[in-house]
């Protein structure tokens, strides 16, 4: 560590878990530190120029074509099933933090929701065009509060200050409103099996690494009660297993994934061919491993719904946002 850090969620002490993790898009290396109290993983050091770590093609149109529309439909269906049951059919509202290229917001808009989103990466904002209400951060939606649902689809791990982000969502939501969060699962089997080679780490773009305990702690401290936990997301399940196994076997890391979505390759053509051949061999085992890990709640993704807790909603104005009731056993999906 360049300097001593404390946990961004609970303030606990950090210890090294993976001292050397290679950046799949550059030749840099980082460490992953883990909080001794809540288990939240931290990429170290944090890049001085975070946007530069993404490169010019992080939001690939090749990645977000028909698969993006299918993914948006699946996410919208999950939100309406688990977070929209107490929302009326009229004037339903959602803000998506880290809305990317906007497929999910367009899907929700088509279902009759009033939508808004946040995005900082200029390439994504160019792709969004002018049809959606996209702003720099959640605070800028304050005049539209209260909102029924705030979603964070694979954006919280990219956020420089996840605690502040979750607290901003709390202030934006109506009493009883829902926060939907999906993050890579640092407690999944791939991370335990493949360690620093695990596809989910993706340092330094993933600044934080959540397992179920650390995510629940972050949300609970902000005043949310965890209601639903899922461990499956179609876009990531098999690919996480497949690419993690390849990362542990051949170089460079993430070669197959980068080739699929059209990112520049950081290796030789022979290395790419080796990844393609070995990937074909490992595809079926990766599918089986993904299925089993989801069934035993050790899948590649954490996907949760948390309710703005009544006990905190009823607190006096100006009361701290933390200290909500301890969640009971959440449901699983």
C-alpha atoms as a PDB file:
ATOM      1  CA  UNK A   1       0.000   0.000   0.000  1.00  0.00           C
ATOM      2  CA  UNK A   2       1.250   3.473  -0.867  1.00  0.00           C
ATOM      3  CA  UNK A   3      -0.408   4.780   2.306  1.00  0.00           C
ATOM      4  CA  UNK A   4      -2.481   3.329   5.109  1.00  0.00           C
ATOM      5  CA  UNK A   5      -6.154   2.941   4.207  1.00  0.00           C
ATOM      6  CA  UNK A   6      -9.207   2.026   6.222  1.00  0.00           C
ATOM      7  CA  UNK A   7     -12.342   0.311   5.006  1.00  0.00           C
ATOM      8  CA  UNK A   8     -14.554   2.536   2.838  1.00  0.00           C
ATOM      9  CA  UNK A   9     -17.641   0.917   4.343  1.00  0.00           C
ATOM     10  CA  UNK A  10     -17.065   0.366   8.070  1.00  0.00           C
ATOM     11  CA  UNK A  11     -13.688   1.990   8.761  1.00  0.00           C
ATOM     12  CA  UNK A  12     -12.023  -1.305   9.714  1.00  0.00           C
ATOM     13  CA  UNK A  13      -8.403  -2.234   9.053  1.00  0.00           C
ATOM     14  CA  UNK A  14      -7.326  -3.678   5.712  1.00  0.00           C
ATOM     15  CA  UNK A  15      -5.057  -6.659   5.118  1.00  0.00           C
ATOM     16  CA  UNK A  16      -3.686  -7.995   1.801  1.00  0.00           C
ATOM     17  CA  UNK A  17      -5.609 -10.843   0.200  1.00  0.00           C
ATOM     18  CA  UNK A  18      -4.151 -10.836  -3.318  1.00  0.00           C
ATOM     19  CA  UNK A  19      -0.862  -8.883  -3.370  1.00  0.00           C
ATOM     20  CA  UNK A  20      -0.495  -9.074  -7.150  1.00  0.00           C
ATOM     21  CA  UNK A  21      -3.413  -8.852  -9.579  1.00  0.00           C
ATOM     22  CA  UNK A  22      -2.719  -7.988 -13.189  1.00  0.00           C
ATOM     23  CA  UNK A  23      -4.716  -5.366 -15.076  1.00  0.00           C
ATOM     24  CA  UNK A  24      -6.251  -7.132 -18.071  1.00  0.00           C
ATOM     25  CA  UNK A  25      -6.156  -3.951 -20.179  1.00  0.00           C
ATOM     26  CA  UNK A  26      -2.634  -2.771 -19.367  1.00  0.00           C
ATOM     27  CA  UNK A  27       0.669  -3.957 -17.914  1.00  0.00           C
ATOM     28  CA  UNK A  28      -0.032  -2.576 -14.445  1.00  0.00           C
ATOM     29  CA  UNK A  29      -0.519  -4.616 -11.288  1.00  0.00           C
ATOM     30  CA  UNK A  30      -2.619  -3.937  -8.191  1.00  0.00           C
ATOM     31  CA  UNK A  31      -3.340  -5.497  -4.829  1.00  0.00           C
ATOM     32  CA  UNK A  32      -6.704  -6.463  -3.354  1.00  0.00           C
ATOM     33  CA  UNK A  33      -6.987  -5.652   0.354  1.00  0.00           C
ATOM     34  CA  UNK A  34      -9.798  -7.000   2.528  1.00  0.00           C
ATOM     35  CA  UNK A  35     -11.423  -5.447   5.588  1.00  0.00           C
ATOM     36  CA  UNK A  36     -10.885  -7.540   8.709  1.00  0.00           C
ATOM     37  CA  UNK A  37     -14.305  -6.474  10.058  1.00  0.00           C
ATOM     38  CA  UNK A  38     -16.827  -6.544   7.192  1.00  0.00           C
ATOM     39  CA  UNK A  39     -14.895  -8.358   4.447  1.00  0.00           C
ATOM     40  CA  UNK A  40     -15.127  -5.646   1.788  1.00  0.00           C
ATOM     41  CA  UNK A  41     -12.319  -5.902  -0.764  1.00  0.00           C
ATOM     42  CA  UNK A  42     -10.439  -2.784  -1.885  1.00  0.00           C
ATOM     43  CA  UNK A  43      -8.294  -2.353  -4.998  1.00  0.00           C
ATOM     44  CA  UNK A  44      -4.998  -0.738  -4.060  1.00  0.00           C
ATOM     45  CA  UNK A  45      -3.836   1.737  -5.116  1.00  0.00           C
ATOM     46  CA  UNK A  46      -6.805   3.625  -6.522  1.00  0.00           C
ATOM     47  CA  UNK A  47      -5.742   4.954  -9.948  1.00  0.00           C
ATOM     48  CA  UNK A  48      -5.013   8.660 -10.080  1.00  0.00           C
ATOM     49  CA  UNK A  49      -6.857   8.867 -13.407  1.00  0.00           C
ATOM     50  CA  UNK A  50      -9.831   6.525 -13.081  1.00  0.00           C
ATOM     51  CA  UNK A  51     -11.433   7.331 -16.510  1.00  0.00           C
ATOM     52  CA  UNK A  52      -8.155   6.473 -18.242  1.00  0.00           C
ATOM     53  CA  UNK A  53      -8.314   2.960 -16.767  1.00  0.00           C
ATOM     54  CA  UNK A  54     -11.386   2.227 -18.861  1.00  0.00           C
ATOM     55  CA  UNK A  55      -9.860   2.994 -22.236  1.00  0.00           C
ATOM     56  CA  UNK A  56     -11.861   4.196 -25.203  1.00  0.00           C
ATOM     57  CA  UNK A  57     -13.923   1.051 -25.796  1.00  0.00           C
ATOM     58  CA  UNK A  58     -15.215   0.013 -22.367  1.00  0.00           C
ATOM     59  CA  UNK A  59     -18.778   0.501 -23.594  1.00  0.00           C
ATOM     60  CA  UNK A  60     -18.557  -1.662 -26.675  1.00  0.00           C
ATOM     61  CA  UNK A  61     -21.447  -1.604 -29.135  1.00  0.00           C
ATOM     62  CA  UNK A  62     -20.451  -5.155 -29.993  1.00  0.00           C
ATOM     63  CA  UNK A  63     -21.164  -6.109 -26.384  1.00  0.00           C
ATOM     64  CA  UNK A  64     -24.408  -4.183 -26.120  1.00  0.00           C
ATOM     65  CA  UNK A  65     -26.366  -5.347 -29.169  1.00  0.00           C
ATOM     66  CA  UNK A  66     -29.016  -8.054 -29.033  1.00  0.00           C
ATOM     67  CA  UNK A  67     -27.444  -9.420 -25.837  1.00  0.00           C
ATOM     68  CA  UNK A  68     -27.817  -5.993 -24.253  1.00  0.00           C
ATOM     69  CA  UNK A  69     -31.516  -5.910 -25.082  1.00  0.00           C
ATOM     70  CA  UNK A  70     -32.040  -9.399 -23.679  1.00  0.00           C
ATOM     71  CA  UNK A  71     -30.168  -8.438 -20.535  1.00  0.00           C
ATOM     72  CA  UNK A  72     -32.271  -5.272 -20.159  1.00  0.00           C
ATOM     73  CA  UNK A  73     -35.463  -7.314 -20.478  1.00  0.00           C
ATOM     74  CA  UNK A  74     -34.303  -9.794 -17.831  1.00  0.00           C
ATOM     75  CA  UNK A  75     -33.293  -7.018 -15.446  1.00  0.00           C
ATOM     76  CA  UNK A  76     -36.561  -5.149 -15.935  1.00  0.00           C
ATOM     77  CA  UNK A  77     -38.507  -8.323 -15.281  1.00  0.00           C
ATOM     78  CA  UNK A  78     -36.520  -8.942 -12.088  1.00  0.00           C
ATOM     79  CA  UNK A  79     -37.071  -5.389 -10.850  1.00  0.00           C
ATOM     80  CA  UNK A  80     -40.814  -5.536 -11.447  1.00  0.00           C
ATOM     81  CA  UNK A  81     -41.042  -8.923  -9.756  1.00  0.00           C
ATOM     82  CA  UNK A  82     -39.005  -8.109  -6.649  1.00  0.00           C
ATOM     83  CA  UNK A  83     -39.010  -4.319  -6.289  1.00  0.00           C
ATOM     84  CA  UNK A  84     -42.188  -3.190  -8.015  1.00  0.00           C
ATOM     85  CA  UNK A  85     -44.869  -5.186  -6.232  1.00  0.00           C
ATOM     86  CA  UNK A  86     -45.739  -2.301  -3.912  1.00  0.00           C
ATOM     87  CA  UNK A  87     -45.573   0.329  -6.634  1.00  0.00           C
ATOM     88  CA  UNK A  88     -48.758   1.409  -8.374  1.00  0.00           C
ATOM     89  CA  UNK A  89     -49.184   0.851 -12.086  1.00  0.00           C
ATOM     90  CA  UNK A  90     -49.178   4.605 -12.723  1.00  0.00           C
ATOM     91  CA  UNK A  91     -46.328   7.091 -12.290  1.00  0.00           C
ATOM     92  CA  UNK A  92     -43.770   4.467 -11.295  1.00  0.00           C
ATOM     93  CA  UNK A  93     -40.285   5.960 -11.119  1.00  0.00           C
ATOM     94  CA  UNK A  94     -36.755   4.569 -11.267  1.00  0.00           C
ATOM     95  CA  UNK A  95     -33.259   6.073 -11.400  1.00  0.00           C
ATOM     96  CA  UNK A  96     -30.444   3.833 -12.617  1.00  0.00           C
ATOM     97  CA  UNK A  97     -27.034   4.785 -11.198  1.00  0.00           C
ATOM     98  CA  UNK A  98     -24.389   3.958 -13.785  1.00  0.00           C
ATOM     99  CA  UNK A  99     -26.822   3.511 -16.664  1.00  0.00           C
ATOM    100  CA  UNK A 100     -24.178   2.691 -19.282  1.00  0.00           C
ATOM    101  CA  UNK A 101     -25.601   2.809 -22.788  1.00  0.00           C
ATOM    102  CA  UNK A 102     -29.198   3.006 -21.563  1.00  0.00           C
ATOM    103  CA  UNK A 103     -30.786  -0.284 -22.677  1.00  0.00           C
ATOM    104  CA  UNK A 104     -32.222  -0.954 -19.218  1.00  0.00           C
ATOM    105  CA  UNK A 105     -33.726   2.531 -18.907  1.00  0.00           C
ATOM    106  CA  UNK A 106     -35.323   2.275 -22.331  1.00  0.00           C
ATOM    107  CA  UNK A 107     -36.824  -1.083 -21.368  1.00  0.00           C
ATOM    108  CA  UNK A 108     -38.243   0.358 -18.137  1.00  0.00           C
ATOM    109  CA  UNK A 109     -39.555   3.408 -20.001  1.00  0.00           C
ATOM    110  CA  UNK A 110     -41.327   1.083 -22.423  1.00  0.00           C
ATOM    111  CA  UNK A 111     -43.003  -0.583 -19.447  1.00  0.00           C
ATOM    112  CA  UNK A 112     -44.467   2.730 -18.303  1.00  0.00           C
ATOM    113  CA  UNK A 113     -41.877   3.811 -15.748  1.00  0.00           C
ATOM    114  CA  UNK A 114     -40.598   7.387 -15.417  1.00  0.00           C
ATOM    115  CA  UNK A 115     -36.848   6.938 -15.777  1.00  0.00           C
ATOM    116  CA  UNK A 116     -33.591   8.739 -15.143  1.00  0.00           C
ATOM    117  CA  UNK A 117     -29.968   7.710 -14.967  1.00  0.00           C
ATOM    118  CA  UNK A 118     -26.480   8.735 -13.972  1.00  0.00           C
ATOM    119  CA  UNK A 119     -23.319   8.181 -15.972  1.00  0.00           C
ATOM    120  CA  UNK A 120     -19.892   9.769 -15.907  1.00  0.00           C
ATOM    121  CA  UNK A 121     -18.133   8.048 -18.804  1.00  0.00           C
ATOM    122  CA  UNK A 122     -18.386  10.379 -21.814  1.00  0.00           C
ATOM    123  CA  UNK A 123     -18.597   7.584 -24.375  1.00  0.00           C
ATOM    124  CA  UNK A 124     -21.698   6.161 -22.715  1.00  0.00           C
ATOM    125  CA  UNK A 125     -23.339   9.570 -22.559  1.00  0.00           C
ATOM    126  CA  UNK A 126     -22.715  10.018 -26.285  1.00  0.00           C
ATOM    127  CA  UNK A 127     -24.418   6.695 -26.981  1.00  0.00           C
ATOM    128  CA  UNK A 128     -27.408   7.674 -24.857  1.00  0.00           C
ATOM    129  CA  UNK A 129     -28.292  10.558 -27.133  1.00  0.00           C
ATOM    130  CA  UNK A 130     -30.864  13.060 -25.919  1.00  0.00           C
ATOM    131  CA  UNK A 131     -33.953  10.898 -25.291  1.00  0.00           C
ATOM    132  CA  UNK A 132     -33.119   9.959 -21.689  1.00  0.00           C
ATOM    133  CA  UNK A 133     -32.633  12.100 -18.600  1.00  0.00           C
ATOM    134  CA  UNK A 134     -28.980  11.384 -17.734  1.00  0.00           C
ATOM    135  CA  UNK A 135     -27.184  13.392 -15.050  1.00  0.00           C
ATOM    136  CA  UNK A 136     -23.814  13.290 -13.327  1.00  0.00           C
ATOM    137  CA  UNK A 137     -24.910  11.858  -9.962  1.00  0.00           C
ATOM    138  CA  UNK A 138     -27.903  10.876  -7.828  1.00  0.00           C
ATOM    139  CA  UNK A 139     -27.928  14.170  -5.929  1.00  0.00           C
ATOM    140  CA  UNK A 140     -29.001  15.934  -9.115  1.00  0.00           C
ATOM    141  CA  UNK A 141     -32.324  14.044  -9.019  1.00  0.00           C
ATOM    142  CA  UNK A 142     -33.294  15.524  -5.644  1.00  0.00           C
ATOM    143  CA  UNK A 143     -36.089  17.650  -7.133  1.00  0.00           C
ATOM    144  CA  UNK A 144     -37.702  14.474  -8.503  1.00  0.00           C
ATOM    145  CA  UNK A 145     -37.759  12.739  -5.101  1.00  0.00           C
ATOM    146  CA  UNK A 146     -39.291  10.614  -3.802  1.00  0.00           C
ATOM    147  CA  UNK A 147     -38.351   7.854  -6.245  1.00  0.00           C
ATOM    148  CA  UNK A 148     -39.808   4.338  -6.094  1.00  0.00           C
ATOM    149  CA  UNK A 149     -36.683   2.399  -7.125  1.00  0.00           C
ATOM    150  CA  UNK A 150     -32.975   3.159  -7.457  1.00  0.00           C
ATOM    151  CA  UNK A 151     -30.926   0.561  -9.312  1.00  0.00           C
ATOM    152  CA  UNK A 152     -27.177  -0.005  -9.488  1.00  0.00           C
ATOM    153  CA  UNK A 153     -26.464  -2.681 -12.078  1.00  0.00           C
ATOM    154  CA  UNK A 154     -22.745  -3.452 -11.813  1.00  0.00           C
ATOM    155  CA  UNK A 155     -21.870   0.133 -10.978  1.00  0.00           C
ATOM    156  CA  UNK A 156     -21.338   0.129  -7.193  1.00  0.00           C
ATOM    157  CA  UNK A 157     -18.009  -1.695  -7.505  1.00  0.00           C
ATOM    158  CA  UNK A 158     -16.821   1.097  -9.818  1.00  0.00           C
ATOM    159  CA  UNK A 159     -17.835   3.898  -7.439  1.00  0.00           C
ATOM    160  CA  UNK A 160     -15.063   5.828  -5.689  1.00  0.00           C
ATOM    161  CA  UNK A 161     -17.149   6.072  -2.491  1.00  0.00           C
ATOM    162  CA  UNK A 162     -19.759   3.286  -2.261  1.00  0.00           C
ATOM    163  CA  UNK A 163     -20.984   4.396   1.164  1.00  0.00           C
ATOM    164  CA  UNK A 164     -21.813   7.889  -0.104  1.00  0.00           C
ATOM    165  CA  UNK A 165     -23.498   6.398  -3.178  1.00  0.00           C
ATOM    166  CA  UNK A 166     -25.784   4.156  -1.134  1.00  0.00           C
ATOM    167  CA  UNK A 167     -26.631   6.980   1.253  1.00  0.00           C
ATOM    168  CA  UNK A 168     -27.545   9.205  -1.720  1.00  0.00           C
ATOM    169  CA  UNK A 169     -29.918   6.489  -2.948  1.00  0.00           C
ATOM    170  CA  UNK A 170     -31.482   6.320   0.526  1.00  0.00           C
ATOM    171  CA  UNK A 171     -32.245  10.047   0.503  1.00  0.00           C
ATOM    172  CA  UNK A 172     -33.735   9.838  -2.984  1.00  0.00           C
ATOM    173  CA  UNK A 173     -36.109   6.944  -2.280  1.00  0.00           C
ATOM    174  CA  UNK A 174     -39.594   7.187  -0.862  1.00  0.00           C
ATOM    175  CA  UNK A 175     -40.340   5.486   2.486  1.00  0.00           C
ATOM    176  CA  UNK A 176     -40.378   1.774   1.716  1.00  0.00           C
ATOM    177  CA  UNK A 177     -38.711   2.346  -1.655  1.00  0.00           C
ATOM    178  CA  UNK A 178     -36.333  -0.265  -3.019  1.00  0.00           C
ATOM    179  CA  UNK A 179     -32.649  -0.234  -3.870  1.00  0.00           C
ATOM    180  CA  UNK A 180     -31.598  -2.847  -6.433  1.00  0.00           C
ATOM    181  CA  UNK A 181     -27.873  -3.666  -6.537  1.00  0.00           C
ATOM    182  CA  UNK A 182     -25.917  -6.154  -8.655  1.00  0.00           C
ATOM    183  CA  UNK A 183     -22.174  -6.633  -8.144  1.00  0.00           C
ATOM    184  CA  UNK A 184     -19.607  -9.358  -8.893  1.00  0.00           C
ATOM    185  CA  UNK A 185     -19.591 -11.854  -6.032  1.00  0.00           C
ATOM    186  CA  UNK A 186     -16.227 -11.796  -4.268  1.00  0.00           C
ATOM    187  CA  UNK A 187     -17.512 -14.689  -2.149  1.00  0.00           C
ATOM    188  CA  UNK A 188     -18.211 -16.862  -5.187  1.00  0.00           C
ATOM    189  CA  UNK A 189     -16.466 -20.119  -5.930  1.00  0.00           C
ATOM    190  CA  UNK A 190     -14.415 -18.680  -8.791  1.00  0.00           C
ATOM    191  CA  UNK A 191     -12.596 -16.250  -6.512  1.00  0.00           C
ATOM    192  CA  UNK A 192     -11.873 -19.002  -3.999  1.00  0.00           C
ATOM    193  CA  UNK A 193     -10.668 -21.405  -6.711  1.00  0.00           C
ATOM    194  CA  UNK A 194      -8.810 -19.094  -9.096  1.00  0.00           C
ATOM    195  CA  UNK A 195      -7.715 -16.366  -6.664  1.00  0.00           C
ATOM    196  CA  UNK A 196      -5.957 -13.434  -8.330  1.00  0.00           C
ATOM    197  CA  UNK A 197      -6.891 -14.811 -11.766  1.00  0.00           C
ATOM    198  CA  UNK A 198     -10.647 -14.507 -11.138  1.00  0.00           C
ATOM    199  CA  UNK A 199     -12.462 -12.652 -13.912  1.00  0.00           C
ATOM    200  CA  UNK A 200     -14.599 -10.733 -11.387  1.00  0.00           C
ATOM    201  CA  UNK A 201     -11.655  -8.782  -9.973  1.00  0.00           C
ATOM    202  CA  UNK A 202     -11.056  -6.674 -13.119  1.00  0.00           C
ATOM    203  CA  UNK A 203      -8.677  -4.275 -11.376  1.00  0.00           C
ATOM    204  CA  UNK A 204      -8.483  -1.302 -11.336  1.00  0.00           C
ATOM    205  CA  UNK A 205     -11.911  -0.676 -12.847  1.00  0.00           C
ATOM    206  CA  UNK A 206     -13.487  -2.581  -9.961  1.00  0.00           C
ATOM    207  CA  UNK A 207     -12.424  -0.459  -7.032  1.00  0.00           C
ATOM    208  CA  UNK A 208     -14.350  -2.570  -4.496  1.00  0.00           C
ATOM    209  CA  UNK A 209     -15.114  -6.284  -4.189  1.00  0.00           C
ATOM    210  CA  UNK A 210     -18.278  -7.366  -2.366  1.00  0.00           C
ATOM    211  CA  UNK A 211     -19.418 -10.624  -0.869  1.00  0.00           C
ATOM    212  CA  UNK A 212     -22.878 -11.031   0.655  1.00  0.00           C
ATOM    213  CA  UNK A 213     -21.732 -10.094   4.161  1.00  0.00           C
ATOM    214  CA  UNK A 214     -19.945  -6.890   3.152  1.00  0.00           C
ATOM    215  CA  UNK A 215     -22.769  -5.798   0.843  1.00  0.00           C
ATOM    216  CA  UNK A 216     -25.400  -6.412   3.507  1.00  0.00           C
ATOM    217  CA  UNK A 217     -23.300  -4.473   6.043  1.00  0.00           C
ATOM    218  CA  UNK A 218     -22.984  -1.491   3.709  1.00  0.00           C
ATOM    219  CA  UNK A 219     -26.714  -1.422   2.985  1.00  0.00           C
ATOM    220  CA  UNK A 220     -27.766  -1.995   6.593  1.00  0.00           C
ATOM    221  CA  UNK A 221     -25.530   0.802   7.867  1.00  0.00           C
ATOM    222  CA  UNK A 222     -27.190   3.141   5.370  1.00  0.00           C
ATOM    223  CA  UNK A 223     -30.683   2.237   6.612  1.00  0.00           C
ATOM    224  CA  UNK A 224     -31.745  -0.538   4.255  1.00  0.00           C
ATOM    225  CA  UNK A 225     -33.199  -3.958   5.038  1.00  0.00           C
ATOM    226  CA  UNK A 226     -32.128  -6.750   2.716  1.00  0.00           C
ATOM    227  CA  UNK A 227     -35.154  -8.548   1.256  1.00  0.00           C
ATOM    228  CA  UNK A 228     -34.032 -10.624  -1.736  1.00  0.00           C
ATOM    229  CA  UNK A 229     -30.666 -12.097  -2.726  1.00  0.00           C
ATOM    230  CA  UNK A 230     -29.941 -13.707  -6.097  1.00  0.00           C
ATOM    231  CA  UNK A 231     -26.728 -15.303  -7.350  1.00  0.00           C
ATOM    232  CA  UNK A 232     -27.324 -15.566 -11.087  1.00  0.00           C
ATOM    233  CA  UNK A 233     -27.122 -13.271 -14.102  1.00  0.00           C
ATOM    234  CA  UNK A 234     -27.112 -14.716 -17.591  1.00  0.00           C
ATOM    235  CA  UNK A 235     -24.406 -12.480 -19.068  1.00  0.00           C
ATOM    236  CA  UNK A 236     -21.835 -13.340 -16.411  1.00  0.00           C
ATOM    237  CA  UNK A 237     -22.344 -16.871 -15.059  1.00  0.00           C
ATOM    238  CA  UNK A 238     -20.596 -19.093 -17.606  1.00  0.00           C
ATOM    239  CA  UNK A 239     -18.216 -16.369 -18.825  1.00  0.00           C
ATOM    240  CA  UNK A 240     -16.890 -15.789 -15.293  1.00  0.00           C
ATOM    241  CA  UNK A 241     -16.045 -19.460 -14.879  1.00  0.00           C
ATOM    242  CA  UNK A 242     -14.644 -19.827 -18.383  1.00  0.00           C
ATOM    243  CA  UNK A 243     -12.485 -16.706 -18.391  1.00  0.00           C
ATOM    244  CA  UNK A 244     -11.248 -17.286 -14.829  1.00  0.00           C
ATOM    245  CA  UNK A 245     -10.030 -20.751 -15.813  1.00  0.00           C
ATOM    246  CA  UNK A 246      -8.359 -19.341 -18.924  1.00  0.00           C
ATOM    247  CA  UNK A 247      -6.690 -16.568 -16.919  1.00  0.00           C
ATOM    248  CA  UNK A 248      -5.127 -19.215 -14.686  1.00  0.00           C
ATOM    249  CA  UNK A 249      -3.935 -21.225 -17.707  1.00  0.00           C
ATOM    250  CA  UNK A 250      -2.896 -18.934 -20.566  1.00  0.00           C
ATOM    251  CA  UNK A 251      -1.846 -15.313 -21.105  1.00  0.00           C
ATOM    252  CA  UNK A 252      -2.839 -12.546 -21.452  1.00  0.00           C
ATOM    253  CA  UNK A 253      -5.782 -12.255 -19.011  1.00  0.00           C
ATOM    254  CA  UNK A 254      -9.320 -11.835 -20.381  1.00  0.00           C
ATOM    255  CA  UNK A 255      -8.191 -12.514 -23.965  1.00  0.00           C
ATOM    256  CA  UNK A 256     -11.335 -14.451 -24.896  1.00  0.00           C
ATOM    257  CA  UNK A 257     -13.683 -11.900 -23.353  1.00  0.00           C
ATOM    258  CA  UNK A 258     -11.884  -8.962 -24.955  1.00  0.00           C
ATOM    259  CA  UNK A 259     -12.032 -10.691 -28.344  1.00  0.00           C
ATOM    260  CA  UNK A 260     -15.768 -11.367 -27.991  1.00  0.00           C
ATOM    261  CA  UNK A 261     -16.667  -7.761 -27.165  1.00  0.00           C
ATOM    262  CA  UNK A 262     -14.211  -6.160 -29.581  1.00  0.00           C
ATOM    263  CA  UNK A 263     -11.606  -4.707 -27.230  1.00  0.00           C
ATOM    264  CA  UNK A 264      -7.970  -4.429 -28.343  1.00  0.00           C
ATOM    265  CA  UNK A 265      -5.945  -7.559 -27.617  1.00  0.00           C
ATOM    266  CA  UNK A 266      -2.860  -7.363 -25.407  1.00  0.00           C
ATOM    267  CA  UNK A 267      -1.180 -10.535 -26.583  1.00  0.00           C
ATOM    268  CA  UNK A 268      -0.089 -12.438 -29.649  1.00  0.00           C
ATOM    269  CA  UNK A 269      -2.353 -14.119 -32.165  1.00  0.00           C
ATOM    270  CA  UNK A 270      -1.044 -17.467 -30.924  1.00  0.00           C
ATOM    271  CA  UNK A 271      -2.135 -16.655 -27.388  1.00  0.00           C
ATOM    272  CA  UNK A 272      -5.596 -15.752 -28.646  1.00  0.00           C
ATOM    273  CA  UNK A 273      -5.827 -19.029 -30.583  1.00  0.00           C
ATOM    274  CA  UNK A 274      -4.790 -20.900 -27.446  1.00  0.00           C
ATOM    275  CA  UNK A 275      -7.554 -19.153 -25.488  1.00  0.00           C
ATOM    276  CA  UNK A 276     -10.134 -19.985 -28.142  1.00  0.00           C
ATOM    277  CA  UNK A 277      -9.147 -23.662 -28.322  1.00  0.00           C
ATOM    278  CA  UNK A 278      -8.939 -24.137 -24.560  1.00  0.00           C
ATOM    279  CA  UNK A 279     -12.147 -22.146 -24.135  1.00  0.00           C
ATOM    280  CA  UNK A 280     -13.966 -24.616 -26.364  1.00  0.00           C
ATOM    281  CA  UNK A 281     -12.689 -27.489 -24.244  1.00  0.00           C
ATOM    282  CA  UNK A 282     -13.696 -25.806 -20.976  1.00  0.00           C
ATOM    283  CA  UNK A 283     -17.110 -24.529 -22.081  1.00  0.00           C
ATOM    284  CA  UNK A 284     -19.162 -27.476 -20.850  1.00  0.00           C
ATOM    285  CA  UNK A 285     -17.334 -27.761 -17.490  1.00  0.00           C
ATOM    286  CA  UNK A 286     -17.802 -24.000 -17.031  1.00  0.00           C
ATOM    287  CA  UNK A 287     -21.532 -24.343 -17.685  1.00  0.00           C
ATOM    288  CA  UNK A 288     -21.848 -27.133 -15.114  1.00  0.00           C
ATOM    289  CA  UNK A 289     -19.765 -25.233 -12.550  1.00  0.00           C
ATOM    290  CA  UNK A 290     -21.867 -22.089 -13.057  1.00  0.00           C
ATOM    291  CA  UNK A 291     -25.106 -24.024 -12.576  1.00  0.00           C
ATOM    292  CA  UNK A 292     -23.939 -25.770  -9.404  1.00  0.00           C
ATOM    293  CA  UNK A 293     -22.474 -22.598  -7.877  1.00  0.00           C
ATOM    294  CA  UNK A 294     -25.754 -20.740  -8.381  1.00  0.00           C
ATOM    295  CA  UNK A 295     -27.735 -23.569  -6.778  1.00  0.00           C
ATOM    296  CA  UNK A 296     -25.559 -23.469  -3.651  1.00  0.00           C
ATOM    297  CA  UNK A 297     -25.545 -19.640  -3.494  1.00  0.00           C
ATOM    298  CA  UNK A 298     -21.905 -19.247  -4.508  1.00  0.00           C
ATOM    299  CA  UNK A 299     -22.540 -17.837  -7.979  1.00  0.00           C
ATOM    300  CA  UNK A 300     -20.593 -15.224  -9.904  1.00  0.00           C
ATOM    301  CA  UNK A 301     -22.981 -12.350  -9.161  1.00  0.00           C
ATOM    302  CA  UNK A 302     -24.756 -10.892  -6.148  1.00  0.00           C
ATOM    303  CA  UNK A 303     -28.116  -9.399  -7.047  1.00  0.00           C
ATOM    304  CA  UNK A 304     -30.089  -7.897  -4.150  1.00  0.00           C
ATOM    305  CA  UNK A 305     -33.199  -5.897  -3.359  1.00  0.00           C
ATOM    306  CA  UNK A 306     -33.124  -3.792  -0.185  1.00  0.00           C
ATOM    307  CA  UNK A 307     -35.990  -1.790   1.319  1.00  0.00           C
ATOM    308  CA  UNK A 308     -35.632   1.666   2.834  1.00  0.00           C
ATOM    309  CA  UNK A 309     -36.249   0.653   6.435  1.00  0.00           C
ATOM    310  CA  UNK A 310     -39.295   2.000   8.216  1.00  0.00           C
ATOM    311  CA  UNK A 311     -37.407   2.523  11.472  1.00  0.00           C
ATOM    312  CA  UNK A 312     -35.017   4.906   9.748  1.00  0.00           C
ATOM    313  CA  UNK A 313     -37.739   6.531   7.678  1.00  0.00           C
ATOM    314  CA  UNK A 314     -39.540   7.485  10.894  1.00  0.00           C
ATOM    315  CA  UNK A 315     -36.424   8.938  12.536  1.00  0.00           C
ATOM    316  CA  UNK A 316     -36.292  12.625  13.292  1.00  0.00           C
ATOM    317  CA  UNK A 317     -35.078  14.878  10.484  1.00  0.00           C
ATOM    318  CA  UNK A 318     -31.312  15.146  10.463  1.00  0.00           C
ATOM    319  CA  UNK A 319     -30.824  11.770  12.172  1.00  0.00           C
ATOM    320  CA  UNK A 320     -27.915   9.683  10.886  1.00  0.00           C
ATOM    321  CA  UNK A 321     -28.720   7.507   7.914  1.00  0.00           C
ATOM    322  CA  UNK A 322     -27.112   4.436   9.496  1.00  0.00           C
ATOM    323  CA  UNK A 323     -28.413   2.287  12.336  1.00  0.00           C
ATOM    324  CA  UNK A 324     -31.344   0.628  10.565  1.00  0.00           C
ATOM    325  CA  UNK A 325     -32.750  -2.580  12.003  1.00  0.00           C
ATOM    326  CA  UNK A 326     -30.737  -5.712  11.481  1.00  0.00           C
ATOM    327  CA  UNK A 327     -32.138  -7.534   8.438  1.00  0.00           C
ATOM    328  CA  UNK A 328     -33.827 -10.845   8.936  1.00  0.00           C
ATOM    329  CA  UNK A 329     -33.087 -13.807   6.727  1.00  0.00           C
ATOM    330  CA  UNK A 330     -33.460 -12.472   3.182  1.00  0.00           C
ATOM    331  CA  UNK A 331     -35.258 -14.343   0.464  1.00  0.00           C
ATOM    332  CA  UNK A 332     -33.293 -15.861  -2.401  1.00  0.00           C
ATOM    333  CA  UNK A 333     -33.954 -15.767  -6.106  1.00  0.00           C
END
